[in-house]
Amino acid sequence: MDVADIYTRTLYDASRLYDTNSPQYLAFTVILALTFMSDRQARTVIAFTKPVSEVSKPLLSTTFNPPGANKAALVLAGEVFKVCYSIVSLAVGGQLLANLRGERILRASLPAAIYAFQNWSSQIAYSTLDSVTFNCLNQIKLVSTALCLYLMHGRRQSKEQVIAIGMLVASAFLLQGSPTNHGAGLGNRDPAAYQTGVIASLFSSAASGIAGTLCQQILQGESMSPDELNFTMSTTSVVLLLATLLKDPSNRDVSLGGPAVLFSSWSSTALIPILASAVGGICVGQVSASTST
């Protein structure tokens, strides 16, 4: 029995421990499907999954996230899922041991830290903005990406692209000025909370462009596969987030009871937005590896 058979059997047995309608069963099924699908199947799934994931994340987060949940803990859970997926995928391909090297993790540490900040900012924006406003503001990441491409690669945008980016910026300013028109899905939120969400969303979009450009440079210029990059980045993010949670003076309960305290009030449905976000992140890596800047 080779390593692929061992991991397949392990995941299959684990999935059988849960009811077929449970989020845990869905998680194991997703891992199996993403690991063993063919390249053509993967491209088809990615083309559909990524936009659906992006659009649904704000709604799923506001619906299923535990009230008052620590934002860094939500990001941490998603990164742990991506680490598990990457380990399985690399082990099946016989590349796991080759990637347990310090220089690979160090190479991905900067985009990993930026992505961790982006995800944390996104969690704040999810909790204070409705899905329409967030998704519109989130498109500002195209501005950040275009700027980073120009500064890092000298890549200029066409006139049509510049016009489209300008329209996105204009729509973001229009949305920012009307907190009362976009809060129906979240109840009556005060203007201060709305402004906090807007700022967090803009920071998230800026970080997304920077980290995305760095990741694409690594994927296309240094012969690193998407699974390798996911593994190194997610591992680094987990370490950074754990260090932040344990060292934060405001998290006294974590210092006394350990990281498990952060998840004590969670229900199984909290995994739904976490898995949606993690799968979307995995899809980004696959797309970046197969497209040009």
C-alpha atoms as a PDB file:
ATOM      1  CA  MET A   1       0.000   0.000   0.000  1.00  0.00           C
ATOM      2  CA  ASP A   2       1.561   3.319  -1.102  1.00  0.00           C
ATOM      3  CA  VAL A   3       1.195   6.704   0.555  1.00  0.00           C
ATOM      4  CA  ALA A   4      -1.752   7.672  -1.657  1.00  0.00           C
ATOM      5  CA  ASP A   5      -3.690   4.590  -0.518  1.00  0.00           C
ATOM      6  CA  ILE A   6      -2.878   5.288   3.122  1.00  0.00           C
ATOM      7  CA  TYR A   7      -4.081   8.892   2.996  1.00  0.00           C
ATOM      8  CA  THR A   8      -7.153   7.984   0.995  1.00  0.00           C
ATOM      9  CA  ARG A   9      -8.120   5.293   3.487  1.00  0.00           C
ATOM     10  CA  THR A  10      -7.451   7.613   6.433  1.00  0.00           C
ATOM     11  CA  LEU A  11      -9.640  10.378   5.027  1.00  0.00           C
ATOM     12  CA  TYR A  12     -12.368   7.952   4.030  1.00  0.00           C
ATOM     13  CA  ASP A  13     -12.465   6.352   7.484  1.00  0.00           C
ATOM     14  CA  ALA A  14     -12.507   9.788   9.128  1.00  0.00           C
ATOM     15  CA  SER A  15     -15.383  10.938   6.942  1.00  0.00           C
ATOM     16  CA  ARG A  16     -17.414   7.897   7.948  1.00  0.00           C
ATOM     17  CA  LEU A  17     -17.330   9.036  11.584  1.00  0.00           C
ATOM     18  CA  TYR A  18     -19.695  11.915  10.824  1.00  0.00           C
ATOM     19  CA  ASP A  19     -23.206  12.219   9.500  1.00  0.00           C
ATOM     20  CA  THR A  20     -23.360  12.816   5.752  1.00  0.00           C
ATOM     21  CA  ASN A  21     -25.116  16.156   6.319  1.00  0.00           C
ATOM     22  CA  SER A  22     -22.546  17.486   8.785  1.00  0.00           C
ATOM     23  CA  PRO A  23     -19.923  20.152   7.979  1.00  0.00           C
ATOM     24  CA  GLN A  24     -17.175  17.740   9.063  1.00  0.00           C
ATOM     25  CA  TYR A  25     -18.225  15.199   6.431  1.00  0.00           C
ATOM     26  CA  LEU A  26     -18.289  17.976   3.834  1.00  0.00           C
ATOM     27  CA  ALA A  27     -14.757  19.020   4.791  1.00  0.00           C
ATOM     28  CA  PHE A  28     -13.342  15.526   4.319  1.00  0.00           C
ATOM     29  CA  THR A  29     -15.187  15.139   1.023  1.00  0.00           C
ATOM     30  CA  VAL A  30     -13.776  18.430  -0.267  1.00  0.00           C
ATOM     31  CA  ILE A  31     -10.234  17.373   0.655  1.00  0.00           C
ATOM     32  CA  LEU A  32     -10.614  14.075  -1.191  1.00  0.00           C
ATOM     33  CA  ALA A  33     -12.145  15.700  -4.271  1.00  0.00           C
ATOM     34  CA  LEU A  34      -9.519  18.437  -4.562  1.00  0.00           C
ATOM     35  CA  THR A  35      -6.676  15.988  -4.040  1.00  0.00           C
ATOM     36  CA  PHE A  36      -7.550  13.371  -6.653  1.00  0.00           C
ATOM     37  CA  MET A  37      -9.416  15.210  -9.406  1.00  0.00           C
ATOM     38  CA  SER A  38      -7.786  15.448 -12.826  1.00  0.00           C
ATOM     39  CA  ASP A  39      -6.304  18.692 -14.198  1.00  0.00           C
ATOM     40  CA  ARG A  40      -9.298  19.279 -16.474  1.00  0.00           C
ATOM     41  CA  GLN A  41     -11.741  18.634 -13.651  1.00  0.00           C
ATOM     42  CA  ALA A  42      -9.743  20.939 -11.400  1.00  0.00           C
ATOM     43  CA  ARG A  43      -9.832  23.810 -13.893  1.00  0.00           C
ATOM     44  CA  THR A  44     -13.600  23.433 -14.272  1.00  0.00           C
ATOM     45  CA  VAL A  45     -14.212  23.353 -10.526  1.00  0.00           C
ATOM     46  CA  ILE A  46     -11.872  26.288  -9.875  1.00  0.00           C
ATOM     47  CA  ALA A  47     -13.491  28.431 -12.566  1.00  0.00           C
ATOM     48  CA  PHE A  48     -16.850  27.973 -10.824  1.00  0.00           C
ATOM     49  CA  THR A  49     -15.806  27.788  -7.177  1.00  0.00           C
ATOM     50  CA  LYS A  50     -13.658  30.899  -6.857  1.00  0.00           C
ATOM     51  CA  PRO A  51     -16.274  33.531  -7.845  1.00  0.00           C
ATOM     52  CA  VAL A  52     -18.988  31.727  -5.876  1.00  0.00           C
ATOM     53  CA  SER A  53     -16.729  31.656  -2.831  1.00  0.00           C
ATOM     54  CA  GLU A  54     -15.910  35.368  -3.099  1.00  0.00           C
ATOM     55  CA  VAL A  55     -19.546  36.428  -3.434  1.00  0.00           C
ATOM     56  CA  SER A  56     -20.852  34.143  -0.684  1.00  0.00           C
ATOM     57  CA  LYS A  57     -18.204  34.788   1.993  1.00  0.00           C
ATOM     58  CA  PRO A  58     -19.773  37.936   3.530  1.00  0.00           C
ATOM     59  CA  LEU A  59     -23.239  36.369   3.728  1.00  0.00           C
ATOM     60  CA  LEU A  60     -21.925  33.077   5.123  1.00  0.00           C
ATOM     61  CA  SER A  61     -19.784  34.885   7.687  1.00  0.00           C
ATOM     62  CA  THR A  62     -22.584  37.081   9.025  1.00  0.00           C
ATOM     63  CA  THR A  63     -24.961  34.093   9.125  1.00  0.00           C
ATOM     64  CA  PHE A  64     -22.804  31.354  10.643  1.00  0.00           C
ATOM     65  CA  ASN A  65     -19.917  32.999  12.509  1.00  0.00           C
ATOM     66  CA  PRO A  66     -20.326  32.760  16.303  1.00  0.00           C
ATOM     67  CA  PRO A  67     -21.331  36.100  17.907  1.00  0.00           C
ATOM     68  CA  GLY A  68     -18.278  37.881  19.239  1.00  0.00           C
ATOM     69  CA  ALA A  69     -15.879  35.334  17.751  1.00  0.00           C
ATOM     70  CA  ASN A  70     -12.225  36.312  17.744  1.00  0.00           C
ATOM     71  CA  LYS A  71     -11.380  37.422  14.199  1.00  0.00           C
ATOM     72  CA  ALA A  72      -7.850  36.020  14.331  1.00  0.00           C
ATOM     73  CA  ALA A  73      -9.242  32.655  15.478  1.00  0.00           C
ATOM     74  CA  LEU A  74     -11.531  32.515  12.436  1.00  0.00           C
ATOM     75  CA  VAL A  75      -8.565  33.150  10.153  1.00  0.00           C
ATOM     76  CA  LEU A  76      -6.504  30.571  12.059  1.00  0.00           C
ATOM     77  CA  ALA A  77      -9.117  27.864  11.506  1.00  0.00           C
ATOM     78  CA  GLY A  78      -9.101  28.500   7.754  1.00  0.00           C
ATOM     79  CA  GLU A  79      -5.306  28.341   7.617  1.00  0.00           C
ATOM     80  CA  VAL A  80      -5.299  25.031   9.509  1.00  0.00           C
ATOM     81  CA  PHE A  81      -7.698  23.596   6.919  1.00  0.00           C
ATOM     82  CA  LYS A  82      -5.389  24.717   4.096  1.00  0.00           C
ATOM     83  CA  VAL A  83      -2.392  23.162   5.857  1.00  0.00           C
ATOM     84  CA  CYS A  84      -4.248  19.839   6.138  1.00  0.00           C
ATOM     85  CA  TYR A  85      -5.264  19.927   2.479  1.00  0.00           C
ATOM     86  CA  SER A  86      -1.732  20.801   1.345  1.00  0.00           C
ATOM     87  CA  ILE A  87      -0.175  18.024   3.435  1.00  0.00           C
ATOM     88  CA  VAL A  88      -2.507  15.446   1.911  1.00  0.00           C
ATOM     89  CA  SER A  89      -1.987  16.715  -1.632  1.00  0.00           C
ATOM     90  CA  LEU A  90       1.810  16.884  -1.320  1.00  0.00           C
ATOM     91  CA  ALA A  91       1.994  13.489   0.376  1.00  0.00           C
ATOM     92  CA  VAL A  92      -0.042  11.897  -2.400  1.00  0.00           C
ATOM     93  CA  GLY A  93       2.365  13.384  -4.951  1.00  0.00           C
ATOM     94  CA  GLY A  94       5.421  12.314  -2.948  1.00  0.00           C
ATOM     95  CA  GLN A  95       6.572  15.920  -2.457  1.00  0.00           C
ATOM     96  CA  LEU A  96       5.898  16.472   1.242  1.00  0.00           C
ATOM     97  CA  LEU A  97       9.391  15.807   2.610  1.00  0.00           C
ATOM     98  CA  ALA A  98      10.963  17.886  -0.151  1.00  0.00           C
ATOM     99  CA  ASN A  99       9.009  20.918   1.068  1.00  0.00           C
ATOM    100  CA  LEU A 100       9.909  20.657   4.746  1.00  0.00           C
ATOM    101  CA  ARG A 101      12.835  23.016   4.284  1.00  0.00           C
ATOM    102  CA  GLY A 102      13.419  26.290   6.050  1.00  0.00           C
ATOM    103  CA  GLU A 103      14.258  28.333   2.975  1.00  0.00           C
ATOM    104  CA  ARG A 104      10.909  27.515   1.340  1.00  0.00           C
ATOM    105  CA  ILE A 105       8.954  28.605   4.391  1.00  0.00           C
ATOM    106  CA  LEU A 106      11.098  31.738   4.739  1.00  0.00           C
ATOM    107  CA  ARG A 107      10.490  32.606   1.072  1.00  0.00           C
ATOM    108  CA  ALA A 108       6.737  32.563   1.609  1.00  0.00           C
ATOM    109  CA  SER A 109       6.759  34.310   4.995  1.00  0.00           C
ATOM    110  CA  LEU A 110       6.169  37.839   3.660  1.00  0.00           C
ATOM    111  CA  PRO A 111       3.085  37.056   1.515  1.00  0.00           C
ATOM    112  CA  ALA A 112       1.855  34.776   4.317  1.00  0.00           C
ATOM    113  CA  ALA A 113       1.993  37.609   6.841  1.00  0.00           C
ATOM    114  CA  ILE A 114       0.252  39.964   4.406  1.00  0.00           C
ATOM    115  CA  TYR A 115      -2.474  37.419   3.672  1.00  0.00           C
ATOM    116  CA  ALA A 116      -3.015  36.816   7.392  1.00  0.00           C
ATOM    117  CA  PHE A 117      -3.523  40.566   7.842  1.00  0.00           C
ATOM    118  CA  GLN A 118      -5.848  40.628   4.823  1.00  0.00           C
ATOM    119  CA  ASN A 119      -8.010  37.809   6.189  1.00  0.00           C
ATOM    120  CA  TRP A 120      -8.178  39.438   9.614  1.00  0.00           C
ATOM    121  CA  SER A 121      -9.281  42.728   8.026  1.00  0.00           C
ATOM    122  CA  SER A 122     -11.858  40.878   5.924  1.00  0.00           C
ATOM    123  CA  GLN A 123     -13.390  39.297   9.029  1.00  0.00           C
ATOM    124  CA  ILE A 124     -13.871  42.767  10.519  1.00  0.00           C
ATOM    125  CA  ALA A 125     -15.450  44.000   7.290  1.00  0.00           C
ATOM    126  CA  TYR A 126     -17.775  40.965   7.102  1.00  0.00           C
ATOM    127  CA  SER A 127     -19.194  41.752  10.538  1.00  0.00           C
ATOM    128  CA  THR A 128     -19.919  45.426   9.851  1.00  0.00           C
ATOM    129  CA  LEU A 129     -20.910  45.593   6.151  1.00  0.00           C
ATOM    130  CA  ASP A 130     -23.637  43.948   4.118  1.00  0.00           C
ATOM    131  CA  SER A 131     -22.567  41.556   1.372  1.00  0.00           C
ATOM    132  CA  VAL A 132     -23.273  43.952  -1.532  1.00  0.00           C
ATOM    133  CA  THR A 133     -21.193  46.761  -0.050  1.00  0.00           C
ATOM    134  CA  PHE A 134     -18.339  44.447   0.885  1.00  0.00           C
ATOM    135  CA  ASN A 135     -18.161  42.799  -2.533  1.00  0.00           C
ATOM    136  CA  CYS A 136     -18.131  46.180  -4.284  1.00  0.00           C
ATOM    137  CA  LEU A 137     -15.409  47.550  -2.020  1.00  0.00           C
ATOM    138  CA  ASN A 138     -13.473  44.310  -2.325  1.00  0.00           C
ATOM    139  CA  GLN A 139     -12.991  44.952  -6.042  1.00  0.00           C
ATOM    140  CA  ILE A 140     -10.624  47.783  -5.099  1.00  0.00           C
ATOM    141  CA  LYS A 141      -8.009  45.026  -4.786  1.00  0.00           C
ATOM    142  CA  LEU A 142      -7.709  45.327  -8.579  1.00  0.00           C
ATOM    143  CA  VAL A 143      -6.276  48.827  -8.064  1.00  0.00           C
ATOM    144  CA  SER A 144      -3.715  47.472  -5.615  1.00  0.00           C
ATOM    145  CA  THR A 145      -2.840  44.613  -7.959  1.00  0.00           C
ATOM    146  CA  ALA A 146      -2.420  46.934 -10.953  1.00  0.00           C
ATOM    147  CA  LEU A 147      -0.181  49.262  -8.939  1.00  0.00           C
ATOM    148  CA  CYS A 148       1.963  46.384  -7.649  1.00  0.00           C
ATOM    149  CA  LEU A 149       2.307  44.934 -11.145  1.00  0.00           C
ATOM    150  CA  TYR A 150       3.561  48.292 -12.388  1.00  0.00           C
ATOM    151  CA  LEU A 151       5.989  48.849  -9.509  1.00  0.00           C
ATOM    152  CA  MET A 152       7.342  45.283  -9.384  1.00  0.00           C
ATOM    153  CA  HIS A 153       7.162  44.214 -13.031  1.00  0.00           C
ATOM    154  CA  GLY A 154       6.744  47.428 -15.020  1.00  0.00           C
ATOM    155  CA  ARG A 155       3.431  46.124 -16.363  1.00  0.00           C
ATOM    156  CA  ARG A 156       1.185  48.950 -17.617  1.00  0.00           C
ATOM    157  CA  GLN A 157      -2.579  48.697 -17.907  1.00  0.00           C
ATOM    158  CA  SER A 158      -4.508  49.368 -21.114  1.00  0.00           C
ATOM    159  CA  LYS A 159      -6.828  52.371 -21.463  1.00  0.00           C
ATOM    160  CA  GLU A 160      -9.847  50.104 -21.072  1.00  0.00           C
ATOM    161  CA  GLN A 161      -8.425  48.628 -17.863  1.00  0.00           C
ATOM    162  CA  VAL A 162      -7.676  52.081 -16.450  1.00  0.00           C
ATOM    163  CA  ILE A 163     -11.256  53.197 -17.163  1.00  0.00           C
ATOM    164  CA  ALA A 164     -12.656  50.076 -15.489  1.00  0.00           C
ATOM    165  CA  ILE A 165     -10.445  50.586 -12.429  1.00  0.00           C
ATOM    166  CA  GLY A 166     -11.526  54.237 -12.227  1.00  0.00           C
ATOM    167  CA  MET A 167     -15.180  53.186 -12.251  1.00  0.00           C
ATOM    168  CA  LEU A 168     -14.503  50.752  -9.403  1.00  0.00           C
ATOM    169  CA  VAL A 169     -12.873  53.483  -7.322  1.00  0.00           C
ATOM    170  CA  ALA A 170     -15.821  55.816  -7.987  1.00  0.00           C
ATOM    171  CA  SER A 171     -18.327  53.165  -6.917  1.00  0.00           C
ATOM    172  CA  ALA A 172     -16.367  52.571  -3.707  1.00  0.00           C
ATOM    173  CA  PHE A 173     -16.545  56.270  -2.776  1.00  0.00           C
ATOM    174  CA  LEU A 174     -20.269  56.343  -3.530  1.00  0.00           C
ATOM    175  CA  LEU A 175     -20.861  53.351  -1.265  1.00  0.00           C
ATOM    176  CA  GLN A 176     -18.721  54.795   1.510  1.00  0.00           C
ATOM    177  CA  GLY A 177     -20.902  57.863   1.760  1.00  0.00           C
ATOM    178  CA  SER A 178     -24.199  56.025   2.369  1.00  0.00           C
ATOM    179  CA  PRO A 179     -24.094  53.749   5.430  1.00  0.00           C
ATOM    180  CA  THR A 180     -27.840  53.873   5.900  1.00  0.00           C
ATOM    181  CA  ASN A 181     -28.581  52.554   2.413  1.00  0.00           C
ATOM    182  CA  HIS A 182     -26.623  49.316   2.731  1.00  0.00           C
ATOM    183  CA  GLY A 183     -27.327  48.014   6.202  1.00  0.00           C
ATOM    184  CA  ALA A 184     -30.609  46.208   5.746  1.00  0.00           C
ATOM    185  CA  GLY A 185     -29.009  42.803   5.935  1.00  0.00           C
ATOM    186  CA  LEU A 186     -27.158  43.607   9.164  1.00  0.00           C
ATOM    187  CA  GLY A 187     -29.710  45.592  11.101  1.00  0.00           C
ATOM    188  CA  ASN A 188     -29.259  49.204  12.171  1.00  0.00           C
ATOM    189  CA  ARG A 189     -25.507  49.669  12.329  1.00  0.00           C
ATOM    190  CA  ASP A 190     -24.131  53.012  13.491  1.00  0.00           C
ATOM    191  CA  PRO A 191     -22.005  55.135  11.144  1.00  0.00           C
ATOM    192  CA  ALA A 192     -18.839  54.476  13.168  1.00  0.00           C
ATOM    193  CA  ALA A 193     -19.195  50.714  12.700  1.00  0.00           C
ATOM    194  CA  TYR A 194     -19.850  51.223   9.002  1.00  0.00           C
ATOM    195  CA  GLN A 195     -16.745  53.388   8.587  1.00  0.00           C
ATOM    196  CA  THR A 196     -14.692  50.782  10.441  1.00  0.00           C
ATOM    197  CA  GLY A 197     -15.911  48.144   8.011  1.00  0.00           C
ATOM    198  CA  VAL A 198     -15.083  50.328   5.005  1.00  0.00           C
ATOM    199  CA  ILE A 199     -11.554  51.000   6.260  1.00  0.00           C
ATOM    200  CA  ALA A 200     -11.010  47.309   7.037  1.00  0.00           C
ATOM    201  CA  SER A 201     -12.263  46.347   3.578  1.00  0.00           C
ATOM    202  CA  LEU A 202      -9.943  48.840   1.875  1.00  0.00           C
ATOM    203  CA  PHE A 203      -6.964  47.594   3.892  1.00  0.00           C
ATOM    204  CA  SER A 204      -7.926  44.033   2.967  1.00  0.00           C
ATOM    205  CA  SER A 205      -8.113  44.925  -0.720  1.00  0.00           C
ATOM    206  CA  ALA A 206      -4.724  46.655  -0.647  1.00  0.00           C
ATOM    207  CA  ALA A 207      -3.114  43.697   1.112  1.00  0.00           C
ATOM    208  CA  SER A 208      -4.694  41.286  -1.369  1.00  0.00           C
ATOM    209  CA  GLY A 209      -3.076  43.036  -4.327  1.00  0.00           C
ATOM    210  CA  ILE A 210       0.367  43.098  -2.716  1.00  0.00           C
ATOM    211  CA  ALA A 211       0.299  39.487  -1.541  1.00  0.00           C
ATOM    212  CA  GLY A 212      -1.248  38.260  -4.792  1.00  0.00           C
ATOM    213  CA  THR A 213       1.528  39.817  -6.864  1.00  0.00           C
ATOM    214  CA  LEU A 214       4.196  38.321  -4.593  1.00  0.00           C
ATOM    215  CA  CYS A 215       2.592  34.881  -4.760  1.00  0.00           C
ATOM    216  CA  GLN A 216       2.292  34.987  -8.533  1.00  0.00           C
ATOM    217  CA  GLN A 217       5.960  35.929  -8.746  1.00  0.00           C
ATOM    218  CA  ILE A 218       6.875  32.925  -6.605  1.00  0.00           C
ATOM    219  CA  LEU A 219       4.630  30.516  -8.519  1.00  0.00           C
ATOM    220  CA  GLN A 220       5.720  31.553 -11.997  1.00  0.00           C
ATOM    221  CA  GLY A 221       9.335  32.490 -11.365  1.00  0.00           C
ATOM    222  CA  GLU A 222      10.650  29.992  -8.836  1.00  0.00           C
ATOM    223  CA  SER A 223       9.188  26.645  -9.945  1.00  0.00           C
ATOM    224  CA  MET A 224       6.965  26.236  -6.892  1.00  0.00           C
ATOM    225  CA  SER A 225       3.635  24.446  -7.260  1.00  0.00           C
ATOM    226  CA  PRO A 226       0.386  25.882  -5.830  1.00  0.00           C
ATOM    227  CA  ASP A 227       0.257  23.128  -3.199  1.00  0.00           C
ATOM    228  CA  GLU A 228       3.834  23.895  -2.148  1.00  0.00           C
ATOM    229  CA  LEU A 229       3.040  27.578  -1.796  1.00  0.00           C
ATOM    230  CA  ASN A 230      -0.202  26.860   0.064  1.00  0.00           C
ATOM    231  CA  PHE A 231       1.660  24.616   2.491  1.00  0.00           C
ATOM    232  CA  THR A 232       4.479  27.058   3.226  1.00  0.00           C
ATOM    233  CA  MET A 233       2.223  30.098   3.443  1.00  0.00           C
ATOM    234  CA  SER A 234      -0.464  28.453   5.563  1.00  0.00           C
ATOM    235  CA  THR A 235       2.126  26.980   7.930  1.00  0.00           C
ATOM    236  CA  THR A 236       3.714  30.393   8.362  1.00  0.00           C
ATOM    237  CA  SER A 237       0.315  32.021   8.881  1.00  0.00           C
ATOM    238  CA  VAL A 238      -0.629  29.493  11.572  1.00  0.00           C
ATOM    239  CA  VAL A 239       2.588  30.217  13.474  1.00  0.00           C
ATOM    240  CA  LEU A 240       2.122  33.991  13.176  1.00  0.00           C
ATOM    241  CA  LEU A 241      -1.533  33.882  14.223  1.00  0.00           C
ATOM    242  CA  LEU A 242      -0.865  31.601  17.197  1.00  0.00           C
ATOM    243  CA  ALA A 243       1.948  33.878  18.352  1.00  0.00           C
ATOM    244  CA  THR A 244      -0.333  36.905  18.011  1.00  0.00           C
ATOM    245  CA  LEU A 245      -3.176  35.270  19.922  1.00  0.00           C
ATOM    246  CA  LEU A 246      -0.952  33.995  22.723  1.00  0.00           C
ATOM    247  CA  LYS A 247       0.984  37.250  23.145  1.00  0.00           C
ATOM    248  CA  ASP A 248      -1.967  39.646  22.881  1.00  0.00           C
ATOM    249  CA  PRO A 249      -2.551  41.116  26.386  1.00  0.00           C
ATOM    250  CA  SER A 250      -6.298  41.327  25.699  1.00  0.00           C
ATOM    251  CA  ASN A 251      -6.510  37.530  25.321  1.00  0.00           C
ATOM    252  CA  ARG A 252      -5.905  36.590  28.959  1.00  0.00           C
ATOM    253  CA  ASP A 253      -8.167  33.552  28.678  1.00  0.00           C
ATOM    254  CA  VAL A 254      -5.983  32.230  25.864  1.00  0.00           C
ATOM    255  CA  SER A 255      -2.839  32.644  27.933  1.00  0.00           C
ATOM    256  CA  LEU A 256      -4.415  30.665  30.773  1.00  0.00           C
ATOM    257  CA  GLY A 257      -6.388  28.014  28.905  1.00  0.00           C
ATOM    258  CA  GLY A 258      -4.577  27.751  25.599  1.00  0.00           C
ATOM    259  CA  PRO A 259      -5.850  28.314  22.040  1.00  0.00           C
ATOM    260  CA  ALA A 260      -8.771  25.896  22.573  1.00  0.00           C
ATOM    261  CA  VAL A 261     -10.515  28.606  24.618  1.00  0.00           C
ATOM    262  CA  LEU A 262     -11.034  30.603  21.423  1.00  0.00           C
ATOM    263  CA  PHE A 263     -13.229  27.867  19.961  1.00  0.00           C
ATOM    264  CA  SER A 264     -15.236  26.909  23.062  1.00  0.00           C
ATOM    265  CA  SER A 265     -18.399  28.752  21.948  1.00  0.00           C
ATOM    266  CA  TRP A 266     -18.291  27.592  18.331  1.00  0.00           C
ATOM    267  CA  SER A 267     -20.891  25.337  16.745  1.00  0.00           C
ATOM    268  CA  SER A 268     -20.332  23.023  13.794  1.00  0.00           C
ATOM    269  CA  THR A 269     -21.939  25.560  11.442  1.00  0.00           C
ATOM    270  CA  ALA A 270     -19.005  27.922  12.059  1.00  0.00           C
ATOM    271  CA  LEU A 271     -17.008  25.687   9.721  1.00  0.00           C
ATOM    272  CA  ILE A 272     -19.162  26.659   6.726  1.00  0.00           C
ATOM    273  CA  PRO A 273     -17.739  30.171   6.092  1.00  0.00           C
ATOM    274  CA  ILE A 274     -14.275  28.989   7.113  1.00  0.00           C
ATOM    275  CA  LEU A 275     -14.285  26.191   4.535  1.00  0.00           C
ATOM    276  CA  ALA A 276     -15.701  28.511   1.873  1.00  0.00           C
ATOM    277  CA  SER A 277     -12.904  31.005   2.454  1.00  0.00           C
ATOM    278  CA  ALA A 278     -10.206  28.313   2.571  1.00  0.00           C
ATOM    279  CA  VAL A 279     -11.371  26.664  -0.654  1.00  0.00           C
ATOM    280  CA  GLY A 280     -11.414  30.080  -2.320  1.00  0.00           C
ATOM    281  CA  GLY A 281      -7.821  30.647  -1.211  1.00  0.00           C
ATOM    282  CA  ILE A 282      -6.745  27.291  -2.633  1.00  0.00           C
ATOM    283  CA  CYS A 283      -8.409  28.162  -5.937  1.00  0.00           C
ATOM    284  CA  VAL A 284      -6.508  31.460  -6.103  1.00  0.00           C
ATOM    285  CA  GLY A 285      -3.214  29.570  -6.018  1.00  0.00           C
ATOM    286  CA  GLN A 286      -4.302  27.253  -8.803  1.00  0.00           C
ATOM    287  CA  VAL A 287      -5.397  30.171 -10.990  1.00  0.00           C
ATOM    288  CA  SER A 288      -2.223  32.188 -10.316  1.00  0.00           C
ATOM    289  CA  ALA A 289      -0.046  29.239 -11.330  1.00  0.00           C
ATOM    290  CA  SER A 290      -1.708  28.863 -14.716  1.00  0.00           C
ATOM    291  CA  THR A 291      -2.233  32.493 -15.782  1.00  0.00           C
ATOM    292  CA  SER A 292       0.113  35.303 -16.596  1.00  0.00           C
ATOM    293  CA  THR A 293       0.307  38.610 -14.738  1.00  0.00           C
END
